[in-house]
Amino acid sequence: MDTTILRTYSFFADAAMILIVALLFILIIQATRRINYHANEIREAGKRIAGATVSIRMLQTILRLSAGRSISRRLTVARISQ
């Protein structure tokens, strides 16, 4: 084999390897972006659930404190079983 042919084969092999590594890096970056997107969605859902939980606890506290008191002429707050 001539050195020119060997260098040409080596060049093409190196170029193919660089393209494969670049493709793998692109796929890894896309996967991390998808994971980050879904993680943010989960975080936002958790914030909404936490906000609703706080609201429910506040309502329970208000109802416990005002149990038996009259809200208006027709409405009275019922007692909450614990």
C-alpha atoms as a PDB file:
ATOM      1  CA  MET A   1       0.000   0.000   0.000  1.00  0.00           C
ATOM      2  CA  ASP A   2       1.139   3.437  -0.852  1.00  0.00           C
ATOM      3  CA  THR A   3       1.410   6.033   1.954  1.00  0.00           C
ATOM      4  CA  THR A   4      -0.975   8.349   0.104  1.00  0.00           C
ATOM      5  CA  ILE A   5      -3.717   5.694   0.087  1.00  0.00           C
ATOM      6  CA  LEU A   6      -3.054   4.933   3.756  1.00  0.00           C
ATOM      7  CA  ARG A   7      -3.302   8.606   4.658  1.00  0.00           C
ATOM      8  CA  THR A   8      -6.534   8.931   2.651  1.00  0.00           C
ATOM      9  CA  TYR A   9      -8.120   5.951   4.441  1.00  0.00           C
ATOM     10  CA  SER A  10      -6.948   7.318   7.763  1.00  0.00           C
ATOM     11  CA  PHE A  11      -8.431  10.738   6.949  1.00  0.00           C
ATOM     12  CA  PHE A  12     -11.829   9.256   6.047  1.00  0.00           C
ATOM     13  CA  ALA A  13     -11.825   7.043   9.151  1.00  0.00           C
ATOM     14  CA  ASP A  14     -11.044  10.059  11.354  1.00  0.00           C
ATOM     15  CA  ALA A  15     -13.740  12.138   9.659  1.00  0.00           C
ATOM     16  CA  ALA A  16     -16.318   9.363  10.161  1.00  0.00           C
ATOM     17  CA  MET A  17     -15.362   9.040  13.829  1.00  0.00           C
ATOM     18  CA  ILE A  18     -15.662  12.803  14.360  1.00  0.00           C
ATOM     19  CA  LEU A  19     -19.110  12.809  12.729  1.00  0.00           C
ATOM     20  CA  ILE A  20     -20.281   9.897  14.895  1.00  0.00           C
ATOM     21  CA  VAL A  21     -19.083  11.615  18.081  1.00  0.00           C
ATOM     22  CA  ALA A  22     -20.752  14.880  17.015  1.00  0.00           C
ATOM     23  CA  LEU A  23     -23.999  13.017  16.344  1.00  0.00           C
ATOM     24  CA  LEU A  24     -23.849  11.395  19.778  1.00  0.00           C
ATOM     25  CA  PHE A  25     -23.268  14.778  21.430  1.00  0.00           C
ATOM     26  CA  ILE A  26     -26.283  16.220  19.590  1.00  0.00           C
ATOM     27  CA  LEU A  27     -28.454  13.307  20.735  1.00  0.00           C
ATOM     28  CA  ILE A  28     -27.267  13.741  24.337  1.00  0.00           C
ATOM     29  CA  ILE A  29     -28.044  17.467  24.251  1.00  0.00           C
ATOM     30  CA  GLN A  30     -31.548  16.800  22.895  1.00  0.00           C
ATOM     31  CA  ALA A  31     -32.192  14.199  25.602  1.00  0.00           C
ATOM     32  CA  THR A  32     -31.062  16.575  28.355  1.00  0.00           C
ATOM     33  CA  ARG A  33     -33.330  19.312  27.013  1.00  0.00           C
ATOM     34  CA  ARG A  34     -36.315  16.930  27.048  1.00  0.00           C
ATOM     35  CA  ILE A  35     -35.480  15.850  30.593  1.00  0.00           C
ATOM     36  CA  ASN A  36     -35.146  19.476  31.689  1.00  0.00           C
ATOM     37  CA  TYR A  37     -38.502  20.356  30.109  1.00  0.00           C
ATOM     38  CA  HIS A  38     -40.292  17.512  31.886  1.00  0.00           C
ATOM     39  CA  ALA A  39     -38.543  18.297  35.171  1.00  0.00           C
ATOM     40  CA  ASN A  40     -39.809  21.881  34.932  1.00  0.00           C
ATOM     41  CA  GLU A  41     -43.335  20.626  34.244  1.00  0.00           C
ATOM     42  CA  ILE A  42     -43.165  18.379  37.310  1.00  0.00           C
ATOM     43  CA  ARG A  43     -41.837  21.288  39.407  1.00  0.00           C
ATOM     44  CA  GLU A  44     -44.691  23.561  38.306  1.00  0.00           C
ATOM     45  CA  ALA A  45     -47.275  20.861  39.055  1.00  0.00           C
ATOM     46  CA  GLY A  46     -45.743  20.424  42.507  1.00  0.00           C
ATOM     47  CA  LYS A  47     -46.005  24.165  43.139  1.00  0.00           C
ATOM     48  CA  ARG A  48     -49.695  24.126  42.174  1.00  0.00           C
ATOM     49  CA  ILE A  49     -50.353  21.149  44.444  1.00  0.00           C
ATOM     50  CA  ALA A  50     -48.500  22.820  47.315  1.00  0.00           C
ATOM     51  CA  GLY A  51     -50.485  26.009  46.800  1.00  0.00           C
ATOM     52  CA  ALA A  52     -53.766  24.104  46.840  1.00  0.00           C
ATOM     53  CA  THR A  53     -52.701  22.215  49.971  1.00  0.00           C
ATOM     54  CA  VAL A  54     -51.932  25.469  51.776  1.00  0.00           C
ATOM     55  CA  SER A  55     -55.321  26.845  50.761  1.00  0.00           C
ATOM     56  CA  ILE A  56     -57.107  23.729  52.047  1.00  0.00           C
ATOM     57  CA  ARG A  57     -55.248  23.894  55.378  1.00  0.00           C
ATOM     58  CA  MET A  58     -56.071  27.579  55.753  1.00  0.00           C
ATOM     59  CA  LEU A  59     -59.748  26.872  55.072  1.00  0.00           C
ATOM     60  CA  GLN A  60     -59.745  24.030  57.602  1.00  0.00           C
ATOM     61  CA  THR A  61     -58.204  26.321  60.222  1.00  0.00           C
ATOM     62  CA  ILE A  62     -60.744  29.054  59.524  1.00  0.00           C
ATOM     63  CA  LEU A  63     -63.625  26.585  59.745  1.00  0.00           C
ATOM     64  CA  ARG A  64     -62.306  25.142  63.025  1.00  0.00           C
ATOM     65  CA  LEU A  65     -61.960  28.603  64.545  1.00  0.00           C
ATOM     66  CA  SER A  66     -65.404  29.695  63.427  1.00  0.00           C
ATOM     67  CA  ALA A  67     -67.285  26.429  64.106  1.00  0.00           C
ATOM     68  CA  GLY A  68     -70.732  27.158  65.457  1.00  0.00           C
ATOM     69  CA  ARG A  69     -70.582  30.868  64.671  1.00  0.00           C
ATOM     70  CA  SER A  70     -73.160  32.486  62.458  1.00  0.00           C
ATOM     71  CA  ILE A  71     -71.998  33.695  59.056  1.00  0.00           C
ATOM     72  CA  SER A  72     -75.302  35.275  58.130  1.00  0.00           C
ATOM     73  CA  ARG A  73     -78.916  34.988  59.271  1.00  0.00           C
ATOM     74  CA  ARG A  74     -79.382  31.702  57.414  1.00  0.00           C
ATOM     75  CA  LEU A  75     -75.926  30.142  57.471  1.00  0.00           C
ATOM     76  CA  THR A  76     -73.999  28.678  60.366  1.00  0.00           C
ATOM     77  CA  VAL A  77     -70.574  27.078  60.067  1.00  0.00           C
ATOM     78  CA  ALA A  78     -70.793  23.346  60.745  1.00  0.00           C
ATOM     79  CA  ARG A  79     -68.352  21.660  63.064  1.00  0.00           C
ATOM     80  CA  ILE A  80     -65.577  19.646  61.420  1.00  0.00           C
ATOM     81  CA  SER A  81     -64.950  16.164  62.684  1.00  0.00           C
ATOM     82  CA  GLN A  82     -61.276  15.713  63.576  1.00  0.00           C
END
